[in-house]
């Protein structure tokens, strides 16, 4: 006959001093009131397949004018949104600084930044997948 499983035996602790028959459940300090309806207990293990938060993806479009606008764009990326950034209204040196900052932000969240136009970039967090290569066609698009 197989011995019953004992956690203390499993860990090598001698529990000869303890007996299951001597064990008593501690008395509950909360006693049900007489005549109160008892709520049925559902013993099934049911898990909802719907998530509590909507899993809708967002794509924001931004047109920064100064370097400090990069902070708001970075916040959107860290919040899980993709951002299309148009650098048409900012000078080239400021645009380069913003791209460098957003590149670091995208890297920090496991995302990426891609050039999709002459002055347009797409910044995506980790949960977006970008396919295609628009940058390879940029040169031929404007020379025709």
C-alpha atoms as a PDB file:
ATOM      1  CA  UNK A   1       0.000   0.000   0.000  1.00  0.00           C
ATOM      2  CA  UNK A   2       1.329   3.421  -0.928  1.00  0.00           C
ATOM      3  CA  UNK A   3       2.029   5.942   1.792  1.00  0.00           C
ATOM      4  CA  UNK A   4       0.059   9.153   1.654  1.00  0.00           C
ATOM      5  CA  UNK A   5       1.879  12.191   0.359  1.00  0.00           C
ATOM      6  CA  UNK A   6       3.345  14.469   2.977  1.00  0.00           C
ATOM      7  CA  UNK A   7       4.945  17.781   2.135  1.00  0.00           C
ATOM      8  CA  UNK A   8       7.195  17.566   5.153  1.00  0.00           C
ATOM      9  CA  UNK A   9       8.412  14.113   4.049  1.00  0.00           C
ATOM     10  CA  UNK A  10       9.051  15.518   0.613  1.00  0.00           C
ATOM     11  CA  UNK A  11      11.378  18.148   2.092  1.00  0.00           C
ATOM     12  CA  UNK A  12      12.933  15.683   4.550  1.00  0.00           C
ATOM     13  CA  UNK A  13      11.366  17.026   7.723  1.00  0.00           C
ATOM     14  CA  UNK A  14      10.311  14.422  10.256  1.00  0.00           C
ATOM     15  CA  UNK A  15       6.662  14.922  11.094  1.00  0.00           C
ATOM     16  CA  UNK A  16       6.134  11.968  13.427  1.00  0.00           C
ATOM     17  CA  UNK A  17       4.972  14.432  16.077  1.00  0.00           C
ATOM     18  CA  UNK A  18       2.055  15.596  13.888  1.00  0.00           C
ATOM     19  CA  UNK A  19      -1.095  13.620  13.304  1.00  0.00           C
ATOM     20  CA  UNK A  20      -3.806  14.459  10.766  1.00  0.00           C
ATOM     21  CA  UNK A  21      -6.542  13.252  13.120  1.00  0.00           C
ATOM     22  CA  UNK A  22      -5.459  15.742  15.796  1.00  0.00           C
ATOM     23  CA  UNK A  23      -5.669  18.691  13.418  1.00  0.00           C
ATOM     24  CA  UNK A  24      -8.672  20.966  13.795  1.00  0.00           C
ATOM     25  CA  UNK A  25      -9.698  23.788  11.493  1.00  0.00           C
ATOM     26  CA  UNK A  26      -9.460  27.169  13.190  1.00  0.00           C
ATOM     27  CA  UNK A  27     -12.839  28.615  14.027  1.00  0.00           C
ATOM     28  CA  UNK A  28     -13.929  31.389  11.733  1.00  0.00           C
ATOM     29  CA  UNK A  29     -14.368  34.739  13.426  1.00  0.00           C
ATOM     30  CA  UNK A  30     -17.200  35.654  11.052  1.00  0.00           C
ATOM     31  CA  UNK A  31     -20.367  33.699  11.641  1.00  0.00           C
ATOM     32  CA  UNK A  32     -23.198  33.733   9.130  1.00  0.00           C
ATOM     33  CA  UNK A  33     -26.365  35.322  10.328  1.00  0.00           C
ATOM     34  CA  UNK A  34     -29.414  33.157  10.734  1.00  0.00           C
ATOM     35  CA  UNK A  35     -31.865  33.505   7.875  1.00  0.00           C
ATOM     36  CA  UNK A  36     -29.399  35.306   5.583  1.00  0.00           C
ATOM     37  CA  UNK A  37     -29.545  33.969   2.032  1.00  0.00           C
ATOM     38  CA  UNK A  38     -26.461  32.016   1.055  1.00  0.00           C
ATOM     39  CA  UNK A  39     -24.869  32.996  -2.242  1.00  0.00           C
ATOM     40  CA  UNK A  40     -24.145  29.985  -4.444  1.00  0.00           C
ATOM     41  CA  UNK A  41     -20.477  29.397  -5.116  1.00  0.00           C
ATOM     42  CA  UNK A  42     -19.506  28.822  -8.750  1.00  0.00           C
ATOM     43  CA  UNK A  43     -16.803  26.157  -8.830  1.00  0.00           C
ATOM     44  CA  UNK A  44     -16.244  26.237 -12.594  1.00  0.00           C
ATOM     45  CA  UNK A  45     -13.003  27.690 -13.877  1.00  0.00           C
ATOM     46  CA  UNK A  46     -14.199  30.152 -16.508  1.00  0.00           C
ATOM     47  CA  UNK A  47     -11.818  32.673 -18.010  1.00  0.00           C
ATOM     48  CA  UNK A  48     -13.066  35.542 -20.153  1.00  0.00           C
ATOM     49  CA  UNK A  49     -11.475  35.711 -23.591  1.00  0.00           C
ATOM     50  CA  UNK A  50     -12.198  39.417 -23.904  1.00  0.00           C
ATOM     51  CA  UNK A  51      -9.526  41.739 -22.655  1.00  0.00           C
ATOM     52  CA  UNK A  52     -10.492  44.485 -20.257  1.00  0.00           C
ATOM     53  CA  UNK A  53      -8.862  47.148 -22.424  1.00  0.00           C
ATOM     54  CA  UNK A  54      -9.546  47.551 -26.114  1.00  0.00           C
ATOM     55  CA  UNK A  55      -6.583  46.379 -28.148  1.00  0.00           C
ATOM     56  CA  UNK A  56      -7.136  49.030 -30.814  1.00  0.00           C
ATOM     57  CA  UNK A  57      -3.944  50.371 -32.335  1.00  0.00           C
ATOM     58  CA  UNK A  58      -3.466  54.075 -32.902  1.00  0.00           C
ATOM     59  CA  UNK A  59      -1.385  55.989 -35.413  1.00  0.00           C
ATOM     60  CA  UNK A  60      -0.726  59.637 -34.626  1.00  0.00           C
ATOM     61  CA  UNK A  61       0.420  62.230 -37.150  1.00  0.00           C
ATOM     62  CA  UNK A  62       2.757  64.945 -35.863  1.00  0.00           C
ATOM     63  CA  UNK A  63       4.433  67.952 -37.414  1.00  0.00           C
ATOM     64  CA  UNK A  64       7.052  69.243 -34.959  1.00  0.00           C
ATOM     65  CA  UNK A  65       8.206  72.842 -35.201  1.00  0.00           C
ATOM     66  CA  UNK A  66      10.814  72.910 -32.424  1.00  0.00           C
ATOM     67  CA  UNK A  67      12.994  70.316 -30.688  1.00  0.00           C
ATOM     68  CA  UNK A  68      10.863  70.282 -27.530  1.00  0.00           C
ATOM     69  CA  UNK A  69       7.966  68.781 -29.552  1.00  0.00           C
ATOM     70  CA  UNK A  70       9.959  65.533 -29.599  1.00  0.00           C
ATOM     71  CA  UNK A  71       8.999  64.850 -25.967  1.00  0.00           C
ATOM     72  CA  UNK A  72       5.276  64.638 -26.821  1.00  0.00           C
ATOM     73  CA  UNK A  73       6.014  62.373 -29.789  1.00  0.00           C
ATOM     74  CA  UNK A  74       8.192  60.115 -27.632  1.00  0.00           C
ATOM     75  CA  UNK A  75       5.392  59.876 -25.046  1.00  0.00           C
ATOM     76  CA  UNK A  76       3.025  58.575 -27.729  1.00  0.00           C
ATOM     77  CA  UNK A  77       5.572  55.941 -28.781  1.00  0.00           C
ATOM     78  CA  UNK A  78       6.131  54.774 -25.207  1.00  0.00           C
ATOM     79  CA  UNK A  79       2.342  54.593 -24.746  1.00  0.00           C
ATOM     80  CA  UNK A  80       2.209  52.050 -27.602  1.00  0.00           C
ATOM     81  CA  UNK A  81       1.074  54.264 -30.477  1.00  0.00           C
ATOM     82  CA  UNK A  82       2.726  54.539 -33.874  1.00  0.00           C
ATOM     83  CA  UNK A  83       3.582  58.067 -34.985  1.00  0.00           C
ATOM     84  CA  UNK A  84       4.027  59.509 -38.461  1.00  0.00           C
ATOM     85  CA  UNK A  85       6.328  62.525 -38.181  1.00  0.00           C
ATOM     86  CA  UNK A  86       6.469  65.160 -40.936  1.00  0.00           C
ATOM     87  CA  UNK A  87       9.560  67.392 -40.732  1.00  0.00           C
ATOM     88  CA  UNK A  88       8.418  69.889 -43.389  1.00  0.00           C
ATOM     89  CA  UNK A  89       8.104  72.760 -40.878  1.00  0.00           C
ATOM     90  CA  UNK A  90      11.402  72.377 -39.047  1.00  0.00           C
ATOM     91  CA  UNK A  91      14.948  73.157 -40.207  1.00  0.00           C
ATOM     92  CA  UNK A  92      17.323  70.340 -41.063  1.00  0.00           C
ATOM     93  CA  UNK A  93      19.526  70.526 -37.947  1.00  0.00           C
ATOM     94  CA  UNK A  94      16.491  70.449 -35.609  1.00  0.00           C
ATOM     95  CA  UNK A  95      14.976  67.596 -37.633  1.00  0.00           C
ATOM     96  CA  UNK A  96      18.179  65.579 -37.240  1.00  0.00           C
ATOM     97  CA  UNK A  97      18.169  66.108 -33.457  1.00  0.00           C
ATOM     98  CA  UNK A  98      14.508  65.053 -33.249  1.00  0.00           C
ATOM     99  CA  UNK A  99      15.145  61.947 -35.370  1.00  0.00           C
ATOM    100  CA  UNK A 100      18.064  60.997 -33.103  1.00  0.00           C
ATOM    101  CA  UNK A 101      15.899  61.442 -29.994  1.00  0.00           C
ATOM    102  CA  UNK A 102      13.011  59.432 -31.475  1.00  0.00           C
ATOM    103  CA  UNK A 103      15.413  56.739 -32.656  1.00  0.00           C
ATOM    104  CA  UNK A 104      16.562  56.296 -29.049  1.00  0.00           C
ATOM    105  CA  UNK A 105      12.965  56.236 -27.830  1.00  0.00           C
ATOM    106  CA  UNK A 106      11.947  53.618 -30.395  1.00  0.00           C
ATOM    107  CA  UNK A 107      14.988  51.512 -29.504  1.00  0.00           C
ATOM    108  CA  UNK A 108      14.148  51.734 -25.787  1.00  0.00           C
ATOM    109  CA  UNK A 109      10.657  50.287 -26.320  1.00  0.00           C
ATOM    110  CA  UNK A 110      11.813  47.646 -28.821  1.00  0.00           C
ATOM    111  CA  UNK A 111      10.368  49.501 -31.799  1.00  0.00           C
ATOM    112  CA  UNK A 112      11.826  51.070 -34.887  1.00  0.00           C
ATOM    113  CA  UNK A 113      11.894  54.234 -36.958  1.00  0.00           C
ATOM    114  CA  UNK A 114      11.678  54.176 -40.756  1.00  0.00           C
ATOM    115  CA  UNK A 115      11.877  56.841 -43.397  1.00  0.00           C
ATOM    116  CA  UNK A 116       8.742  56.737 -45.530  1.00  0.00           C
ATOM    117  CA  UNK A 117       9.137  60.014 -47.410  1.00  0.00           C
ATOM    118  CA  UNK A 118      11.640  62.757 -48.111  1.00  0.00           C
ATOM    119  CA  UNK A 119      10.835  64.458 -44.787  1.00  0.00           C
ATOM    120  CA  UNK A 120       8.455  61.890 -43.264  1.00  0.00           C
ATOM    121  CA  UNK A 121       9.320  59.178 -40.740  1.00  0.00           C
ATOM    122  CA  UNK A 122       7.263  56.399 -39.171  1.00  0.00           C
ATOM    123  CA  UNK A 123       8.047  55.614 -35.514  1.00  0.00           C
ATOM    124  CA  UNK A 124       6.565  52.373 -34.195  1.00  0.00           C
ATOM    125  CA  UNK A 125       6.687  50.619 -30.826  1.00  0.00           C
ATOM    126  CA  UNK A 126       7.345  46.887 -30.455  1.00  0.00           C
ATOM    127  CA  UNK A 127       3.775  45.754 -31.215  1.00  0.00           C
ATOM    128  CA  UNK A 128       3.758  47.115 -34.807  1.00  0.00           C
ATOM    129  CA  UNK A 129       5.243  45.375 -37.816  1.00  0.00           C
ATOM    130  CA  UNK A 130       6.282  47.479 -40.784  1.00  0.00           C
ATOM    131  CA  UNK A 131       6.832  45.747 -44.123  1.00  0.00           C
ATOM    132  CA  UNK A 132       7.982  47.117 -47.451  1.00  0.00           C
ATOM    133  CA  UNK A 133      10.799  49.429 -48.420  1.00  0.00           C
ATOM    134  CA  UNK A 134       9.595  52.864 -49.447  1.00  0.00           C
ATOM    135  CA  UNK A 135      13.013  54.482 -48.941  1.00  0.00           C
ATOM    136  CA  UNK A 136      14.480  52.502 -51.888  1.00  0.00           C
ATOM    137  CA  UNK A 137      11.919  54.109 -54.223  1.00  0.00           C
ATOM    138  CA  UNK A 138      12.415  57.684 -52.994  1.00  0.00           C
ATOM    139  CA  UNK A 139      15.177  58.517 -55.463  1.00  0.00           C
ATOM    140  CA  UNK A 140      13.256  57.289 -58.515  1.00  0.00           C
ATOM    141  CA  UNK A 141      10.037  58.976 -57.441  1.00  0.00           C
ATOM    142  CA  UNK A 142      11.397  62.522 -57.555  1.00  0.00           C
ATOM    143  CA  UNK A 143      13.745  62.232 -60.562  1.00  0.00           C
ATOM    144  CA  UNK A 144      11.107  61.395 -63.196  1.00  0.00           C
END
